[in-house]
Amino acid sequence: MAPVTSRELAEWLEDQQMDHDRDASYHPQAQDKIERWPQTLKNRILLENYYLPGDHQQQIDAFVDHYTHQRYHESLQNFIPADVYFGRGQAILKQRERINDRPSHSGVC
């Protein structure tokens, strides 16, 4: 396979409607979202005791599933990462607006 040129990469990214962002090397603040993930995983894993060989991996898999498919992230406008990845963000925002626009039936504002 031939190496990809920067022009080819730029065209491919444009076709995918993706941006190519570059951050400063050795500057953790520029990578805050990915820097936080290992710390969150580590904190969760250290809470448990693992007695069988597969227990540790099973807990990691469960954490990844929860983190990606169930947990809302403030840094993603309170979306689940899977919703952002699969492009469901705008539909969710519209649904949230409809819910917030409903009149209250409790009589309390």
N, C-alpha and C. Protein backbone atom coordinates (compact mmCIF):
# COMPACT_ATOMS: atom_id res chain seq x y z
N MET A 1 0.85 -1.18 0.00
CA MET A 1 0.00 0.00 0.00
C MET A 1 0.89 1.24 0.00
N ALA A 2 0.60 2.16 -0.89
CA ALA A 2 1.40 3.38 -1.01
C ALA A 2 1.06 4.35 0.12
N PRO A 3 2.03 5.16 0.53
CA PRO A 3 1.75 6.14 1.57
C PRO A 3 0.74 7.18 1.08
N VAL A 4 -0.02 7.71 2.00
CA VAL A 4 -1.05 8.70 1.69
C VAL A 4 -0.43 10.09 1.71
N THR A 5 -0.69 10.87 0.66
CA THR A 5 -0.17 12.24 0.63
C THR A 5 -1.10 13.15 1.42
N SER A 6 -0.60 14.31 1.79
CA SER A 6 -1.42 15.24 2.56
C SER A 6 -2.63 15.71 1.74
N ARG A 7 -2.47 15.83 0.43
CA ARG A 7 -3.59 16.23 -0.42
C ARG A 7 -4.67 15.14 -0.41
N GLU A 8 -4.24 13.87 -0.53
CA GLU A 8 -5.19 12.77 -0.50
C GLU A 8 -5.92 12.70 0.84
N LEU A 9 -5.16 12.90 1.90
CA LEU A 9 -5.77 12.89 3.23
C LEU A 9 -6.78 14.02 3.35
N ALA A 10 -6.42 15.21 2.90
CA ALA A 10 -7.32 16.36 2.98
C ALA A 10 -8.61 16.10 2.19
N GLU A 11 -8.48 15.51 1.02
CA GLU A 11 -9.66 15.20 0.20
C GLU A 11 -10.53 14.15 0.89
N TRP A 12 -9.90 13.12 1.44
CA TRP A 12 -10.66 12.07 2.12
C TRP A 12 -11.39 12.64 3.33
N LEU A 13 -10.70 13.46 4.12
CA LEU A 13 -11.34 14.07 5.29
C LEU A 13 -12.51 14.95 4.88
N GLU A 14 -12.35 15.68 3.79
CA GLU A 14 -13.44 16.53 3.30
C GLU A 14 -14.62 15.67 2.87
N ASP A 15 -14.36 14.56 2.17
CA ASP A 15 -15.43 13.65 1.76
C ASP A 15 -16.17 13.08 2.97
N GLN A 16 -15.45 12.86 4.05
CA GLN A 16 -16.05 12.30 5.27
C GLN A 16 -16.65 13.38 6.17
N GLN A 17 -16.55 14.64 5.75
CA GLN A 17 -17.01 15.80 6.52
C GLN A 17 -16.34 15.83 7.90
N MET A 18 -15.03 15.61 7.87
CA MET A 18 -14.23 15.60 9.10
C MET A 18 -13.20 16.72 9.05
N ASP A 19 -12.85 17.23 10.23
CA ASP A 19 -11.79 18.22 10.35
C ASP A 19 -10.54 17.55 10.89
N HIS A 20 -9.39 18.01 10.45
CA HIS A 20 -8.12 17.50 10.96
C HIS A 20 -7.53 18.56 11.88
N ASP A 21 -7.62 18.32 13.18
CA ASP A 21 -7.09 19.27 14.16
C ASP A 21 -5.75 18.78 14.66
N ARG A 22 -4.83 19.70 14.80
CA ARG A 22 -3.51 19.37 15.34
C ARG A 22 -3.32 20.13 16.64
N ASP A 23 -2.84 19.43 17.64
CA ASP A 23 -2.59 20.05 18.94
C ASP A 23 -1.10 20.04 19.23
N ALA A 24 -0.71 20.87 20.16
CA ALA A 24 0.70 20.95 20.54
C ALA A 24 1.15 19.65 21.19
N SER A 25 2.35 19.22 20.86
CA SER A 25 2.91 18.02 21.47
C SER A 25 3.19 18.27 22.94
N TYR A 26 3.03 17.23 23.73
CA TYR A 26 3.31 17.27 25.17
C TYR A 26 2.54 18.39 25.87
N HIS A 27 1.33 18.62 25.42
CA HIS A 27 0.49 19.66 26.01
C HIS A 27 -0.85 19.02 26.37
N PRO A 28 -0.96 18.45 27.58
CA PRO A 28 -2.15 17.67 27.93
C PRO A 28 -3.45 18.45 27.87
N GLN A 29 -3.41 19.76 28.08
CA GLN A 29 -4.63 20.54 28.03
C GLN A 29 -5.26 20.51 26.64
N ALA A 30 -4.45 20.31 25.62
CA ALA A 30 -4.96 20.26 24.26
C ALA A 30 -5.65 18.93 23.97
N GLN A 31 -5.43 17.94 24.82
CA GLN A 31 -6.00 16.61 24.61
C GLN A 31 -6.86 16.21 25.81
N ASP A 32 -7.57 17.17 26.38
CA ASP A 32 -8.27 16.92 27.64
C ASP A 32 -9.27 15.78 27.59
N LYS A 33 -9.99 15.61 26.49
CA LYS A 33 -11.00 14.55 26.44
C LYS A 33 -10.35 13.17 26.48
N ILE A 34 -9.33 12.94 25.68
CA ILE A 34 -8.70 11.63 25.67
C ILE A 34 -7.83 11.43 26.90
N GLU A 35 -7.29 12.49 27.47
CA GLU A 35 -6.47 12.36 28.68
C GLU A 35 -7.33 11.95 29.87
N ARG A 36 -8.58 12.34 29.90
CA ARG A 36 -9.46 12.04 31.02
C ARG A 36 -9.90 10.58 31.02
N TRP A 37 -10.06 9.99 29.86
CA TRP A 37 -10.60 8.63 29.75
C TRP A 37 -9.78 7.60 30.51
N PRO A 38 -8.46 7.51 30.35
CA PRO A 38 -7.70 6.50 31.10
C PRO A 38 -7.80 6.70 32.62
N GLN A 39 -7.86 7.94 33.05
CA GLN A 39 -7.98 8.20 34.49
C GLN A 39 -9.33 7.70 35.01
N THR A 40 -10.39 7.94 34.26
CA THR A 40 -11.71 7.47 34.66
C THR A 40 -11.75 5.95 34.71
N LEU A 41 -11.19 5.30 33.70
CA LEU A 41 -11.12 3.83 33.68
C LEU A 41 -10.33 3.31 34.86
N LYS A 42 -9.18 3.88 35.10
CA LYS A 42 -8.32 3.44 36.20
C LYS A 42 -9.04 3.57 37.54
N ASN A 43 -9.68 4.70 37.77
CA ASN A 43 -10.40 4.90 39.03
C ASN A 43 -11.51 3.87 39.21
N ARG A 44 -12.20 3.53 38.14
CA ARG A 44 -13.28 2.54 38.22
C ARG A 44 -12.72 1.14 38.48
N ILE A 45 -11.68 0.77 37.78
CA ILE A 45 -11.10 -0.57 37.90
C ILE A 45 -10.51 -0.79 39.29
N LEU A 46 -9.93 0.23 39.87
CA LEU A 46 -9.30 0.08 41.18
C LEU A 46 -10.32 -0.10 42.31
N LEU A 47 -11.60 0.13 42.05
CA LEU A 47 -12.62 -0.05 43.07
C LEU A 47 -12.96 -1.51 43.32
N GLU A 48 -12.63 -2.38 42.39
CA GLU A 48 -13.05 -3.78 42.45
C GLU A 48 -11.90 -4.71 42.79
N ASN A 49 -12.27 -5.91 43.25
CA ASN A 49 -11.31 -7.01 43.42
C ASN A 49 -11.60 -8.03 42.33
N TYR A 50 -10.56 -8.60 41.77
CA TYR A 50 -10.71 -9.54 40.67
C TYR A 50 -10.11 -10.87 41.10
N TYR A 51 -10.97 -11.90 41.13
CA TYR A 51 -10.54 -13.20 41.64
C TYR A 51 -10.30 -14.22 40.53
N LEU A 52 -10.97 -14.07 39.43
CA LEU A 52 -10.82 -15.00 38.31
C LEU A 52 -10.13 -14.30 37.16
N PRO A 53 -9.41 -15.06 36.32
CA PRO A 53 -8.63 -14.43 35.23
C PRO A 53 -9.46 -13.53 34.31
N GLY A 54 -10.67 -13.91 33.99
CA GLY A 54 -11.47 -13.11 33.06
C GLY A 54 -12.21 -11.95 33.69
N ASP A 55 -12.23 -11.89 35.02
CA ASP A 55 -13.00 -10.84 35.70
C ASP A 55 -12.52 -9.43 35.35
N HIS A 56 -11.22 -9.26 35.32
CA HIS A 56 -10.65 -7.94 35.04
C HIS A 56 -11.06 -7.46 33.65
N GLN A 57 -10.88 -8.31 32.63
CA GLN A 57 -11.24 -7.92 31.27
C GLN A 57 -12.74 -7.70 31.14
N GLN A 58 -13.53 -8.51 31.83
CA GLN A 58 -14.98 -8.35 31.78
C GLN A 58 -15.40 -6.99 32.34
N GLN A 59 -14.76 -6.56 33.42
CA GLN A 59 -15.07 -5.26 34.00
C GLN A 59 -14.64 -4.11 33.08
N ILE A 60 -13.50 -4.27 32.42
CA ILE A 60 -13.05 -3.25 31.46
C ILE A 60 -14.05 -3.14 30.31
N ASP A 61 -14.48 -4.29 29.78
CA ASP A 61 -15.45 -4.29 28.68
C ASP A 61 -16.76 -3.63 29.10
N ALA A 62 -17.22 -3.93 30.31
CA ALA A 62 -18.46 -3.33 30.81
C ALA A 62 -18.30 -1.82 30.96
N PHE A 63 -17.14 -1.38 31.45
CA PHE A 63 -16.89 0.04 31.60
C PHE A 63 -16.89 0.74 30.24
N VAL A 64 -16.21 0.17 29.26
CA VAL A 64 -16.14 0.77 27.92
C VAL A 64 -17.54 0.88 27.32
N ASP A 65 -18.34 -0.17 27.47
CA ASP A 65 -19.70 -0.14 26.95
C ASP A 65 -20.51 0.96 27.62
N HIS A 66 -20.43 1.05 28.94
CA HIS A 66 -21.16 2.08 29.68
C HIS A 66 -20.69 3.48 29.27
N TYR A 67 -19.39 3.67 29.21
CA TYR A 67 -18.80 4.98 28.91
C TYR A 67 -19.17 5.44 27.51
N THR A 68 -19.28 4.50 26.57
CA THR A 68 -19.53 4.83 25.17
C THR A 68 -21.01 4.88 24.81
N HIS A 69 -21.82 4.03 25.43
CA HIS A 69 -23.21 3.88 24.99
C HIS A 69 -24.26 4.32 26.01
N GLN A 70 -23.86 4.65 27.25
CA GLN A 70 -24.86 4.99 28.26
C GLN A 70 -24.57 6.29 29.00
N ARG A 71 -23.32 6.66 29.13
CA ARG A 71 -22.93 7.80 29.96
C ARG A 71 -22.94 9.10 29.16
N TYR A 72 -23.65 10.10 29.69
CA TYR A 72 -23.68 11.42 29.05
C TYR A 72 -22.40 12.17 29.41
N HIS A 73 -21.89 12.95 28.45
CA HIS A 73 -20.64 13.67 28.63
C HIS A 73 -20.87 15.17 28.47
N GLU A 74 -20.53 15.93 29.50
CA GLU A 74 -20.68 17.38 29.42
C GLU A 74 -19.90 17.96 28.26
N SER A 75 -18.71 17.43 28.01
CA SER A 75 -17.87 17.96 26.94
C SER A 75 -18.47 17.72 25.56
N LEU A 76 -19.50 16.86 25.48
CA LEU A 76 -20.17 16.57 24.22
C LEU A 76 -21.62 17.10 24.25
N GLN A 77 -21.86 18.20 24.95
CA GLN A 77 -23.19 18.80 25.09
C GLN A 77 -24.19 17.82 25.70
N ASN A 78 -23.73 17.03 26.64
CA ASN A 78 -24.54 16.01 27.30
C ASN A 78 -25.11 14.99 26.32
N PHE A 79 -24.30 14.64 25.35
CA PHE A 79 -24.60 13.52 24.46
C PHE A 79 -23.82 12.30 24.92
N ILE A 80 -24.26 11.16 24.47
CA ILE A 80 -23.51 9.92 24.63
C ILE A 80 -22.53 9.85 23.46
N PRO A 81 -21.29 9.42 23.66
CA PRO A 81 -20.33 9.38 22.55
C PRO A 81 -20.86 8.65 21.32
N ALA A 82 -21.59 7.57 21.50
CA ALA A 82 -22.13 6.85 20.35
C ALA A 82 -23.09 7.72 19.55
N ASP A 83 -23.86 8.57 20.23
CA ASP A 83 -24.78 9.46 19.52
C ASP A 83 -24.02 10.46 18.65
N VAL A 84 -22.92 10.96 19.16
CA VAL A 84 -22.09 11.89 18.39
C VAL A 84 -21.47 11.15 17.21
N TYR A 85 -20.91 9.99 17.46
CA TYR A 85 -20.22 9.22 16.42
C TYR A 85 -21.17 8.87 15.28
N PHE A 86 -22.40 8.47 15.62
CA PHE A 86 -23.34 8.04 14.59
C PHE A 86 -24.20 9.19 14.06
N GLY A 87 -23.90 10.43 14.44
CA GLY A 87 -24.57 11.60 13.88
C GLY A 87 -26.00 11.81 14.35
N ARG A 88 -26.33 11.38 15.55
CA ARG A 88 -27.69 11.53 16.05
C ARG A 88 -27.88 12.81 16.87
N GLY A 89 -26.86 13.65 16.95
CA GLY A 89 -26.89 14.83 17.81
C GLY A 89 -28.01 15.80 17.50
N GLN A 90 -28.20 16.16 16.24
CA GLN A 90 -29.23 17.14 15.88
C GLN A 90 -30.63 16.62 16.20
N ALA A 91 -30.89 15.35 15.93
CA ALA A 91 -32.20 14.78 16.24
C ALA A 91 -32.46 14.80 17.74
N ILE A 92 -31.44 14.53 18.53
CA ILE A 92 -31.58 14.55 19.99
C ILE A 92 -31.83 15.97 20.48
N LEU A 93 -31.12 16.95 19.90
CA LEU A 93 -31.36 18.34 20.29
C LEU A 93 -32.79 18.76 20.00
N LYS A 94 -33.33 18.37 18.84
CA LYS A 94 -34.71 18.71 18.50
C LYS A 94 -35.68 18.05 19.47
N GLN A 95 -35.40 16.80 19.84
CA GLN A 95 -36.27 16.11 20.79
C GLN A 95 -36.22 16.80 22.15
N ARG A 96 -35.04 17.22 22.58
CA ARG A 96 -34.91 17.94 23.86
C ARG A 96 -35.70 19.25 23.82
N GLU A 97 -35.64 19.96 22.69
CA GLU A 97 -36.38 21.22 22.55
C GLU A 97 -37.89 20.98 22.65
N ARG A 98 -38.37 19.91 21.99
CA ARG A 98 -39.81 19.60 22.06
C ARG A 98 -40.23 19.30 23.49
N ILE A 99 -39.41 18.56 24.21
CA ILE A 99 -39.72 18.22 25.60
C ILE A 99 -39.73 19.47 26.46
N ASN A 100 -38.76 20.34 26.27
CA ASN A 100 -38.68 21.57 27.07
C ASN A 100 -39.78 22.57 26.74
N ASP A 101 -40.33 22.49 25.52
CA ASP A 101 -41.38 23.42 25.11
C ASP A 101 -42.77 22.98 25.56
N ARG A 102 -42.91 21.77 26.07
CA ARG A 102 -44.22 21.28 26.51
C ARG A 102 -44.68 22.07 27.74
N PRO A 103 -45.97 22.37 27.80
CA PRO A 103 -46.48 23.04 29.00
C PRO A 103 -46.48 22.08 30.19
N SER A 104 -46.28 22.62 31.35
CA SER A 104 -46.27 21.82 32.58
C SER A 104 -47.70 21.53 33.00
N HIS A 105 -47.99 20.28 33.36
CA HIS A 105 -49.33 19.90 33.80
C HIS A 105 -49.46 19.96 35.32
N SER A 106 -48.37 20.22 36.00
CA SER A 106 -48.41 20.25 37.46
C SER A 106 -48.89 21.60 38.00
N GLY A 107 -48.96 22.61 37.16
CA GLY A 107 -49.36 23.93 37.61
C GLY A 107 -48.23 24.71 38.26
N VAL A 108 -47.07 24.10 38.33
CA VAL A 108 -45.91 24.75 38.92
C VAL A 108 -44.98 25.17 37.80
N CYS A 109 -44.52 26.39 37.84
CA CYS A 109 -43.62 26.89 36.80
C CYS A 109 -42.20 26.53 37.10
